Amino acid sequence: QVRLVESGGGLVQAGGSLRLSCAASGIIVSITLMGWYRQAPGKQRELVAAITREGSTNYGDSVKGRFTISRDNAKNMVFLQMNSLKPEDTAVYYCHTFGNWGQGTQVTVSS
């Protein structure tokens, strides 16, 4: 059974940084496509970043150059480093792999 647990969200001022963590069990992140998605109120869930088993990364246009996805194979965790945060980054952020979702972590960026 796959379980994903996100943490690291919070309230930050515009221009600040946060680092989200996703602890995975029931799946090995080093050989699995892992992704971060977000959903703002009234909007559809959108891809923020993804990392393949080969280590290739992909980012949504709105976060390119500001966010970085990475993983720690030894800890079986995936991270999302978010820099230069903007109010429009406010959303619930979810960790995802093959149809499995975490519970989400709230990120709120104040102007």
Foldseek 3Di string as FASTA:
>chain_A
DKAKAKDWADEEAAQAKIKMKIQIDPDQVLQFKKFKWWDDPPGDIDTAKIAHNVGDMDGDPVQPPFWDWDADRVRSMIMIIGGRDDQVVFTWMWMDTDPDIYPTDTHGYHD
